[in-house]
Amino acid sequence: MKISKNILFFLFLILNNFCFAAAPKFTKGKLLKGEIDGCTWLIELQDKKILQPSNITKFNIKLKDGKRIRFKYQSLKNVAGFCMMGEMVEITEIKK
């Protein structure tokens, strides 16, 4: 059975789009120092939405109020943070 080059190319494009579409993209945000005792760091997204990362200190980056970062994250369901501000998330990757 002989498969044409056009069909192989078409299958490659579909597979390629599927793989890259499923990969989470980096999100842009700005670090904010928490104003409440025990509330460490928050991330403000470009649309002003606030995220409360559970693990920001595990990454090798300098934490500075106002610092812009690019990162990937996952939402944490049924979890409340000390700050009670924004959605609780787990950072999966930070781009330096």
PDB file of N, CA and C in Angstrom:
ATOM      1  N   MET A   1       0.846  -1.177   0.000  1.00  0.00           N
ATOM      2  CA  MET A   1       0.000   0.000   0.000  1.00  0.00           C
ATOM      3  C   MET A   1       0.885   1.231   0.000  1.00  0.00           C
ATOM      4  N   LYS A   2       0.638   2.092  -0.930  1.00  0.00           N
ATOM      5  CA  LYS A   2       1.451   3.291  -1.087  1.00  0.00           C
ATOM      6  C   LYS A   2       0.642   4.513  -0.634  1.00  0.00           C
ATOM      7  N   ILE A   3       1.231   5.305   0.289  1.00  0.00           N
ATOM      8  CA  ILE A   3       0.566   6.515   0.779  1.00  0.00           C
ATOM      9  C   ILE A   3       1.235   7.708   0.114  1.00  0.00           C
ATOM     10  N   SER A   4       0.419   8.581  -0.413  1.00  0.00           N
ATOM     11  CA  SER A   4       0.978   9.741  -1.114  1.00  0.00           C
ATOM     12  C   SER A   4       1.643  10.701  -0.136  1.00  0.00           C
ATOM     13  N   LYS A   5       2.549  11.510  -0.647  1.00  0.00           N
ATOM     14  CA  LYS A   5       3.250  12.502   0.166  1.00  0.00           C
ATOM     15  C   LYS A   5       2.270  13.547   0.700  1.00  0.00           C
ATOM     16  N   ASN A   6       1.246  13.861  -0.073  1.00  0.00           N
ATOM     17  CA  ASN A   6       0.257  14.845   0.372  1.00  0.00           C
ATOM     18  C   ASN A   6      -0.496  14.368   1.603  1.00  0.00           C
ATOM     19  N   ILE A   7      -0.872  13.107   1.622  1.00  0.00           N
ATOM     20  CA  ILE A   7      -1.590  12.566   2.781  1.00  0.00           C
ATOM     21  C   ILE A   7      -0.678  12.546   4.004  1.00  0.00           C
ATOM     22  N   LEU A   8       0.562  12.140   3.832  1.00  0.00           N
ATOM     23  CA  LEU A   8       1.512  12.143   4.954  1.00  0.00           C
ATOM     24  C   LEU A   8       1.727  13.555   5.497  1.00  0.00           C
ATOM     25  N   PHE A   9       1.863  14.508   4.589  1.00  0.00           N
ATOM     26  CA  PHE A   9       2.057  15.901   5.000  1.00  0.00           C
ATOM     27  C   PHE A   9       0.829  16.402   5.772  1.00  0.00           C
ATOM     28  N   PHE A  10      -0.361  16.103   5.286  1.00  0.00           N
ATOM     29  CA  PHE A  10      -1.599  16.494   5.938  1.00  0.00           C
ATOM     30  C   PHE A  10      -1.698  15.880   7.337  1.00  0.00           C
ATOM     31  N   LEU A  11      -1.373  14.609   7.468  1.00  0.00           N
ATOM     32  CA  LEU A  11      -1.383  13.947   8.772  1.00  0.00           C
ATOM     33  C   LEU A  11      -0.359  14.570   9.726  1.00  0.00           C
ATOM     34  N   PHE A  12       0.800  14.906   9.195  1.00  0.00           N
ATOM     35  CA  PHE A  12       1.827  15.574   9.991  1.00  0.00           C
ATOM     36  C   PHE A  12       1.314  16.913  10.517  1.00  0.00           C
ATOM     37  N   LEU A  13       0.652  17.702   9.686  1.00  0.00           N
ATOM     38  CA  LEU A  13       0.127  18.999  10.109  1.00  0.00           C
ATOM     39  C   LEU A  13      -0.918  18.846  11.214  1.00  0.00           C
ATOM     40  N   ILE A  14      -1.796  17.882  11.064  1.00  0.00           N
ATOM     41  CA  ILE A  14      -2.828  17.654  12.076  1.00  0.00           C
ATOM     42  C   ILE A  14      -2.188  17.265  13.400  1.00  0.00           C
ATOM     43  N   LEU A  15      -1.261  16.330  13.361  1.00  0.00           N
ATOM     44  CA  LEU A  15      -0.588  15.886  14.575  1.00  0.00           C
ATOM     45  C   LEU A  15       0.195  17.026  15.211  1.00  0.00           C
ATOM     46  N   ASN A  16       0.885  17.793  14.423  1.00  0.00           N
ATOM     47  CA  ASN A  16       1.675  18.919  14.900  1.00  0.00           C
ATOM     48  C   ASN A  16       0.790  19.960  15.587  1.00  0.00           C
ATOM     49  N   ASN A  17      -0.337  20.303  14.960  1.00  0.00           N
ATOM     50  CA  ASN A  17      -1.251  21.276  15.555  1.00  0.00           C
ATOM     51  C   ASN A  17      -1.858  20.758  16.847  1.00  0.00           C
ATOM     52  N   PHE A  18      -2.185  19.488  16.873  1.00  0.00           N
ATOM     53  CA  PHE A  18      -2.767  18.900  18.080  1.00  0.00           C
ATOM     54  C   PHE A  18      -1.778  18.950  19.239  1.00  0.00           C
ATOM     55  N   CYS A  19      -0.539  18.605  18.987  1.00  0.00           N
ATOM     56  CA  CYS A  19       0.477  18.586  20.048  1.00  0.00           C
ATOM     57  C   CYS A  19       0.738  19.977  20.601  1.00  0.00           C
ATOM     58  N   PHE A  20       0.885  20.962  19.729  1.00  0.00           N
ATOM     59  CA  PHE A  20       1.210  22.301  20.185  1.00  0.00           C
ATOM     60  C   PHE A  20       0.004  23.037  20.739  1.00  0.00           C
ATOM     61  N   ALA A  21      -1.178  22.726  20.280  1.00  0.00           N
ATOM     62  CA  ALA A  21      -2.380  23.376  20.806  1.00  0.00           C
ATOM     63  C   ALA A  21      -2.646  22.929  22.240  1.00  0.00           C
ATOM     64  N   ALA A  22      -2.281  21.718  22.577  1.00  0.00           N
ATOM     65  CA  ALA A  22      -2.538  21.189  23.919  1.00  0.00           C
ATOM     66  C   ALA A  22      -1.524  21.694  24.939  1.00  0.00           C
ATOM     67  N   ALA A  23      -0.371  22.164  24.488  1.00  0.00           N
ATOM     68  CA  ALA A  23       0.664  22.627  25.400  1.00  0.00           C
ATOM     69  C   ALA A  23       0.276  23.985  25.982  1.00  0.00           C
ATOM     70  N   PRO A  24       0.348  24.137  27.314  1.00  0.00           N
ATOM     71  CA  PRO A  24       0.011  25.430  27.901  1.00  0.00           C
ATOM     72  C   PRO A  24       1.028  26.490  27.493  1.00  0.00           C
ATOM     73  N   LYS A  25       0.541  27.677  27.258  1.00  0.00           N
ATOM     74  CA  LYS A  25       1.407  28.786  26.854  1.00  0.00           C
ATOM     75  C   LYS A  25       1.845  29.562  28.093  1.00  0.00           C
ATOM     76  N   PHE A  26       2.911  30.317  27.940  1.00  0.00           N
ATOM     77  CA  PHE A  26       3.372  31.154  29.041  1.00  0.00           C
ATOM     78  C   PHE A  26       2.415  32.323  29.228  1.00  0.00           C
ATOM     79  N   THR A  27       2.149  32.646  30.473  1.00  0.00           N
ATOM     80  CA  THR A  27       1.280  33.752  30.843  1.00  0.00           C
ATOM     81  C   THR A  27       2.170  34.872  31.369  1.00  0.00           C
ATOM     82  N   LYS A  28       1.816  36.112  31.042  1.00  0.00           N
ATOM     83  CA  LYS A  28       2.573  37.256  31.530  1.00  0.00           C
ATOM     84  C   LYS A  28       1.910  37.793  32.786  1.00  0.00           C
ATOM     85  N   GLY A  29       2.736  38.151  33.759  1.00  0.00           N
ATOM     86  CA  GLY A  29       2.215  38.698  34.999  1.00  0.00           C
ATOM     87  C   GLY A  29       3.247  39.544  35.715  1.00  0.00           C
ATOM     88  N   LYS A  30       2.814  40.150  36.812  1.00  0.00           N
ATOM     89  CA  LYS A  30       3.682  41.014  37.604  1.00  0.00           C
ATOM     90  C   LYS A  30       3.604  40.562  39.063  1.00  0.00           C
ATOM     91  N   LEU A  31       4.753  40.396  39.687  1.00  0.00           N
ATOM     92  CA  LEU A  31       4.805  40.004  41.093  1.00  0.00           C
ATOM     93  C   LEU A  31       4.337  41.149  41.985  1.00  0.00           C
ATOM     94  N   LEU A  32       3.544  40.808  42.979  1.00  0.00           N
ATOM     95  CA  LEU A  32       3.094  41.782  43.973  1.00  0.00           C
ATOM     96  C   LEU A  32       3.408  41.233  45.356  1.00  0.00           C
ATOM     97  N   LYS A  33       4.000  42.050  46.189  1.00  0.00           N
ATOM     98  CA  LYS A  33       4.269  41.650  47.570  1.00  0.00           C
ATOM     99  C   LYS A  33       2.970  41.730  48.344  1.00  0.00           C
ATOM    100  N   GLY A  34       2.603  40.657  49.028  1.00  0.00           N
ATOM    101  CA  GLY A  34       1.378  40.641  49.833  1.00  0.00           C
ATOM    102  C   GLY A  34       1.438  41.679  50.930  1.00  0.00           C
ATOM    103  N   GLU A  35       0.312  42.327  51.197  1.00  0.00           N
ATOM    104  CA  GLU A  35       0.270  43.396  52.200  1.00  0.00           C
ATOM    105  C   GLU A  35      -0.177  42.908  53.578  1.00  0.00           C
ATOM    106  N   ILE A  36      -0.591  41.643  53.657  1.00  0.00           N
ATOM    107  CA  ILE A  36      -1.053  41.079  54.928  1.00  0.00           C
ATOM    108  C   ILE A  36       0.051  40.193  55.498  1.00  0.00           C
ATOM    109  N   ASP A  37       0.261  40.236  56.821  1.00  0.00           N
ATOM    110  CA  ASP A  37       1.257  39.352  57.439  1.00  0.00           C
ATOM    111  C   ASP A  37       0.969  37.902  57.069  1.00  0.00           C
ATOM    112  N   GLY A  38       1.986  37.194  56.627  1.00  0.00           N
ATOM    113  CA  GLY A  38       1.835  35.797  56.236  1.00  0.00           C
ATOM    114  C   GLY A  38       1.441  35.619  54.782  1.00  0.00           C
ATOM    115  N   CYS A  39       1.052  36.694  54.140  1.00  0.00           N
ATOM    116  CA  CYS A  39       0.685  36.658  52.716  1.00  0.00           C
ATOM    117  C   CYS A  39       1.931  37.078  51.936  1.00  0.00           C
ATOM    118  N   THR A  40       2.565  36.137  51.286  1.00  0.00           N
ATOM    119  CA  THR A  40       3.863  36.425  50.681  1.00  0.00           C
ATOM    120  C   THR A  40       3.741  37.077  49.301  1.00  0.00           C
ATOM    121  N   TRP A  41       3.558  36.299  48.257  1.00  0.00           N
ATOM    122  CA  TRP A  41       3.582  36.837  46.899  1.00  0.00           C
ATOM    123  C   TRP A  41       2.297  36.535  46.145  1.00  0.00           C
ATOM    124  N   LEU A  42       1.880  37.504  45.344  1.00  0.00           N
ATOM    125  CA  LEU A  42       0.742  37.375  44.447  1.00  0.00           C
ATOM    126  C   LEU A  42       1.243  37.676  43.043  1.00  0.00           C
ATOM    127  N   ILE A  43       0.454  37.297  42.049  1.00  0.00           N
ATOM    128  CA  ILE A  43       0.778  37.631  40.662  1.00  0.00           C
ATOM    129  C   ILE A  43      -0.432  38.332  40.059  1.00  0.00           C
ATOM    130  N   GLU A  44      -0.201  39.508  39.494  1.00  0.00           N
ATOM    131  CA  GLU A  44      -1.259  40.241  38.807  1.00  0.00           C
ATOM    132  C   GLU A  44      -1.107  40.017  37.306  1.00  0.00           C
ATOM    133  N   LEU A  45      -2.161  39.512  36.672  1.00  0.00           N
ATOM    134  CA  LEU A  45      -2.138  39.289  35.232  1.00  0.00           C
ATOM    135  C   LEU A  45      -2.429  40.599  34.504  1.00  0.00           C
ATOM    136  N   GLN A  46      -2.244  40.591  33.185  1.00  0.00           N
ATOM    137  CA  GLN A  46      -2.465  41.797  32.389  1.00  0.00           C
ATOM    138  C   GLN A  46      -3.907  42.291  32.472  1.00  0.00           C
ATOM    139  N   ASP A  47      -4.846  41.379  32.691  1.00  0.00           N
ATOM    140  CA  ASP A  47      -6.262  41.770  32.796  1.00  0.00           C
ATOM    141  C   ASP A  47      -6.647  42.136  34.234  1.00  0.00           C
ATOM    142  N   LYS A  48      -5.644  42.319  35.100  1.00  0.00           N
ATOM    143  CA  LYS A  48      -5.793  42.698  36.511  1.00  0.00           C
ATOM    144  C   LYS A  48      -6.289  41.564  37.410  1.00  0.00           C
ATOM    145  N   LYS A  49      -6.450  40.368  36.867  1.00  0.00           N
ATOM    146  CA  LYS A  49      -6.823  39.215  37.681  1.00  0.00           C
ATOM    147  C   LYS A  49      -5.646  38.875  38.597  1.00  0.00           C
ATOM    148  N   ILE A  50      -5.946  38.485  39.833  1.00  0.00           N
ATOM    149  CA  ILE A  50      -4.910  38.164  40.822  1.00  0.00           C
ATOM    150  C   ILE A  50      -4.823  36.651  41.000  1.00  0.00           C
ATOM    151  N   LEU A  51      -3.595  36.145  41.010  1.00  0.00           N
ATOM    152  CA  LEU A  51      -3.331  34.735  41.284  1.00  0.00           C
ATOM    153  C   LEU A  51      -2.520  34.656  42.573  1.00  0.00           C
ATOM    154  N   GLN A  52      -2.795  33.636  43.346  1.00  0.00           N
ATOM    155  CA  GLN A  52      -2.045  33.392  44.574  1.00  0.00           C
ATOM    156  C   GLN A  52      -1.272  32.090  44.400  1.00  0.00           C
ATOM    157  N   PRO A  53       0.023  32.181  44.040  1.00  0.00           N
ATOM    158  CA  PRO A  53       0.808  30.961  43.809  1.00  0.00           C
ATOM    159  C   PRO A  53       1.179  30.264  45.120  1.00  0.00           C
ATOM    160  N   SER A  54       1.050  28.945  45.104  1.00  0.00           N
ATOM    161  CA  SER A  54       1.363  28.163  46.299  1.00  0.00           C
ATOM    162  C   SER A  54       2.843  27.831  46.416  1.00  0.00           C
ATOM    163  N   ASN A  55       3.588  27.971  45.310  1.00  0.00           N
ATOM    164  CA  ASN A  55       4.965  27.475  45.304  1.00  0.00           C
ATOM    165  C   ASN A  55       5.968  28.416  44.631  1.00  0.00           C
ATOM    166  N   ILE A  56       5.714  29.701  44.635  1.00  0.00           N
ATOM    167  CA  ILE A  56       6.580  30.658  43.917  1.00  0.00           C
ATOM    168  C   ILE A  56       8.009  30.655  44.458  1.00  0.00           C
ATOM    169  N   THR A  57       8.193  30.360  45.735  1.00  0.00           N
ATOM    170  CA  THR A  57       9.538  30.409  46.326  1.00  0.00           C
ATOM    171  C   THR A  57      10.393  29.203  45.951  1.00  0.00           C
ATOM    172  N   LYS A  58       9.812  28.212  45.303  1.00  0.00           N
ATOM    173  CA  LYS A  58      10.576  27.022  44.911  1.00  0.00           C
ATOM    174  C   LYS A  58      11.371  27.231  43.628  1.00  0.00           C
ATOM    175  N   PHE A  59      11.169  28.376  42.987  1.00  0.00           N
ATOM    176  CA  PHE A  59      11.867  28.652  41.736  1.00  0.00           C
ATOM    177  C   PHE A  59      13.049  29.570  42.005  1.00  0.00           C
ATOM    178  N   ASN A  60      14.074  29.403  41.205  1.00  0.00           N
ATOM    179  CA  ASN A  60      15.309  30.156  41.383  1.00  0.00           C
ATOM    180  C   ASN A  60      15.206  31.509  40.661  1.00  0.00           C
ATOM    181  N   ILE A  61      14.349  32.390  41.203  1.00  0.00           N
ATOM    182  CA  ILE A  61      14.242  33.737  40.646  1.00  0.00           C
ATOM    183  C   ILE A  61      14.282  34.729  41.801  1.00  0.00           C
ATOM    184  N   LYS A  62      14.712  35.941  41.497  1.00  0.00           N
ATOM    185  CA  LYS A  62      14.723  36.994  42.509  1.00  0.00           C
ATOM    186  C   LYS A  62      13.305  37.541  42.614  1.00  0.00           C
ATOM    187  N   LEU A  63      12.713  37.439  43.788  1.00  0.00           N
ATOM    188  CA  LEU A  63      11.358  37.926  44.018  1.00  0.00           C
ATOM    189  C   LEU A  63      11.425  39.402  44.383  1.00  0.00           C
ATOM    190  N   LYS A  64      10.807  40.226  43.539  1.00  0.00           N
ATOM    191  CA  LYS A  64      10.845  41.676  43.732  1.00  0.00           C
ATOM    192  C   LYS A  64       9.484  42.243  43.346  1.00  0.00           C
ATOM    193  N   ASP A  65       8.944  43.096  44.202  1.00  0.00           N
ATOM    194  CA  ASP A  65       7.649  43.708  43.934  1.00  0.00           C
ATOM    195  C   ASP A  65       7.691  44.450  42.593  1.00  0.00           C
ATOM    196  N   GLY A  66       6.724  44.167  41.731  1.00  0.00           N
ATOM    197  CA  GLY A  66       6.647  44.821  40.424  1.00  0.00           C
ATOM    198  C   GLY A  66       7.388  44.104  39.310  1.00  0.00           C
ATOM    199  N   LYS A  67       8.148  43.062  39.641  1.00  0.00           N
ATOM    200  CA  LYS A  67       8.916  42.333  38.627  1.00  0.00           C
ATOM    201  C   LYS A  67       7.965  41.621  37.668  1.00  0.00           C
ATOM    202  N   ARG A  68       8.229  41.752  36.392  1.00  0.00           N
ATOM    203  CA  ARG A  68       7.423  41.092  35.366  1.00  0.00           C
ATOM    204  C   ARG A  68       7.984  39.699  35.119  1.00  0.00           C
ATOM    205  N   ILE A  69       7.067  38.723  35.042  1.00  0.00           N
ATOM    206  CA  ILE A  69       7.474  37.340  34.818  1.00  0.00           C
ATOM    207  C   ILE A  69       6.603  36.706  33.746  1.00  0.00           C
ATOM    208  N   ARG A  70       7.107  35.638  33.159  1.00  0.00           N
ATOM    209  CA  ARG A  70       6.349  34.786  32.244  1.00  0.00           C
ATOM    210  C   ARG A  70       6.356  33.405  32.854  1.00  0.00           C
ATOM    211  N   PHE A  71       5.185  32.794  32.945  1.00  0.00           N
ATOM    212  CA  PHE A  71       5.083  31.540  33.686  1.00  0.00           C
ATOM    213  C   PHE A  71       3.944  30.681  33.160  1.00  0.00           C
ATOM    214  N   LYS A  72       3.983  29.418  33.553  1.00  0.00           N
ATOM    215  CA  LYS A  72       2.892  28.477  33.297  1.00  0.00           C
ATOM    216  C   LYS A  72       2.352  28.059  34.655  1.00  0.00           C
ATOM    217  N   TYR A  73       1.054  27.796  34.704  1.00  0.00           N
ATOM    218  CA  TYR A  73       0.460  27.425  35.987  1.00  0.00           C
ATOM    219  C   TYR A  73      -0.741  26.509  35.803  1.00  0.00           C
ATOM    220  N   GLN A  74      -1.120  25.892  36.918  1.00  0.00           N
ATOM    221  CA  GLN A  74      -2.321  25.066  36.990  1.00  0.00           C
ATOM    222  C   GLN A  74      -3.178  25.597  38.126  1.00  0.00           C
ATOM    223  N   SER A  75      -4.487  25.634  37.917  1.00  0.00           N
ATOM    224  CA  SER A  75      -5.413  26.044  38.970  1.00  0.00           C
ATOM    225  C   SER A  75      -5.485  24.961  40.035  1.00  0.00           C
ATOM    226  N   LEU A  76      -5.580  25.384  41.280  1.00  0.00           N
ATOM    227  CA  LEU A  76      -5.766  24.458  42.392  1.00  0.00           C
ATOM    228  C   LEU A  76      -7.225  24.563  42.830  1.00  0.00           C
ATOM    229  N   LYS A  77      -7.940  23.496  42.712  1.00  0.00           N
ATOM    230  CA  LYS A  77      -9.366  23.476  43.060  1.00  0.00           C
ATOM    231  C   LYS A  77      -9.557  23.148  44.537  1.00  0.00           C
ATOM    232  N   ASN A  78     -10.601  23.714  45.120  1.00  0.00           N
ATOM    233  CA  ASN A  78     -10.976  23.459  46.512  1.00  0.00           C
ATOM    234  C   ASN A  78      -9.843  23.752  47.496  1.00  0.00           C
ATOM    235  N   VAL A  79      -9.065  24.804  47.204  1.00  0.00           N
ATOM    236  CA  VAL A  79      -7.956  25.205  48.071  1.00  0.00           C
ATOM    237  C   VAL A  79      -8.106  26.702  48.349  1.00  0.00           C
ATOM    238  N   ALA A  80      -7.927  27.088  49.595  1.00  0.00           N
ATOM    239  CA  ALA A  80      -7.962  28.501  49.959  1.00  0.00           C
ATOM    240  C   ALA A  80      -6.597  28.893  50.503  1.00  0.00           C
ATOM    241  N   GLY A  81      -6.163  30.081  50.149  1.00  0.00           N
ATOM    242  CA  GLY A  81      -4.882  30.573  50.631  1.00  0.00           C
ATOM    243  C   GLY A  81      -5.064  31.535  51.790  1.00  0.00           C
ATOM    244  N   PHE A  82      -3.977  31.833  52.451  1.00  0.00           N
ATOM    245  CA  PHE A  82      -3.999  32.733  53.593  1.00  0.00           C
ATOM    246  C   PHE A  82      -4.441  34.135  53.195  1.00  0.00           C
ATOM    247  N   CYS A  83      -4.023  34.578  52.020  1.00  0.00           N
ATOM    248  CA  CYS A  83      -4.323  35.942  51.569  1.00  0.00           C
ATOM    249  C   CYS A  83      -5.798  36.155  51.264  1.00  0.00           C
ATOM    250  N   MET A  84      -6.478  35.072  50.877  1.00  0.00           N
ATOM    251  CA  MET A  84      -7.878  35.160  50.471  1.00  0.00           C
ATOM    252  C   MET A  84      -8.054  36.153  49.314  1.00  0.00           C
ATOM    253  N   MET A  85      -7.049  36.215  48.468  1.00  0.00           N
ATOM    254  CA  MET A  85      -7.084  37.105  47.307  1.00  0.00           C
ATOM    255  C   MET A  85      -6.750  36.292  46.072  1.00  0.00           C
ATOM    256  N   GLY A  86      -7.612  36.275  45.132  1.00  0.00           N
ATOM    257  CA  GLY A  86      -7.309  35.647  43.867  1.00  0.00           C
ATOM    258  C   GLY A  86      -7.388  34.139  43.889  1.00  0.00           C
ATOM    259  N   GLU A  87      -7.198  33.601  42.725  1.00  0.00           N
ATOM    260  CA  GLU A  87      -7.263  32.155  42.505  1.00  0.00           C
ATOM    261  C   GLU A  87      -5.975  31.494  42.968  1.00  0.00           C
ATOM    262  N   MET A  88      -6.096  30.399  43.680  1.00  0.00           N
ATOM    263  CA  MET A  88      -4.932  29.622  44.102  1.00  0.00           C
ATOM    264  C   MET A  88      -4.414  28.835  42.903  1.00  0.00           C
ATOM    265  N   VAL A  89      -3.093  28.929  42.672  1.00  0.00           N
ATOM    266  CA  VAL A  89      -2.480  28.242  41.539  1.00  0.00           C
ATOM    267  C   VAL A  89      -1.160  27.619  41.966  1.00  0.00           C
ATOM    268  N   GLU A  90      -0.720  26.665  41.171  1.00  0.00           N
ATOM    269  CA  GLU A  90       0.611  26.063  41.317  1.00  0.00           C
ATOM    270  C   GLU A  90       1.398  26.428  40.078  1.00  0.00           C
ATOM    271  N   ILE A  91       2.531  27.072  40.254  1.00  0.00           N
ATOM    272  CA  ILE A  91       3.394  27.447  39.141  1.00  0.00           C
ATOM    273  C   ILE A  91       4.105  26.175  38.671  1.00  0.00           C
ATOM    274  N   THR A  92       4.087  25.933  37.359  1.00  0.00           N
ATOM    275  CA  THR A  92       4.766  24.752  36.825  1.00  0.00           C
ATOM    276  C   THR A  92       6.085  25.121  36.149  1.00  0.00           C
ATOM    277  N   GLU A  93       6.200  26.359  35.690  1.00  0.00           N
ATOM    278  CA  GLU A  93       7.434  26.790  35.013  1.00  0.00           C
ATOM    279  C   GLU A  93       7.490  28.312  34.995  1.00  0.00           C
ATOM    280  N   ILE A  94       8.690  28.851  35.185  1.00  0.00           N
ATOM    281  CA  ILE A  94       8.918  30.292  35.065  1.00  0.00           C
ATOM    282  C   ILE A  94      10.035  30.488  34.073  1.00  0.00           C
ATOM    283  N   LYS A  95       9.823  31.399  33.142  1.00  0.00           N
ATOM    284  CA  LYS A  95      10.836  31.712  32.132  1.00  0.00           C
ATOM    285  C   LYS A  95      11.660  32.883  32.634  1.00  0.00           C
ATOM    286  N   LYS A  96      12.964  32.702  32.604  1.00  0.00           N
ATOM    287  CA  LYS A  96      13.868  33.760  33.068  1.00  0.00           C
ATOM    288  C   LYS A  96      14.078  34.796  31.993  1.00  0.00           C
TER     289      LYS A  96
END
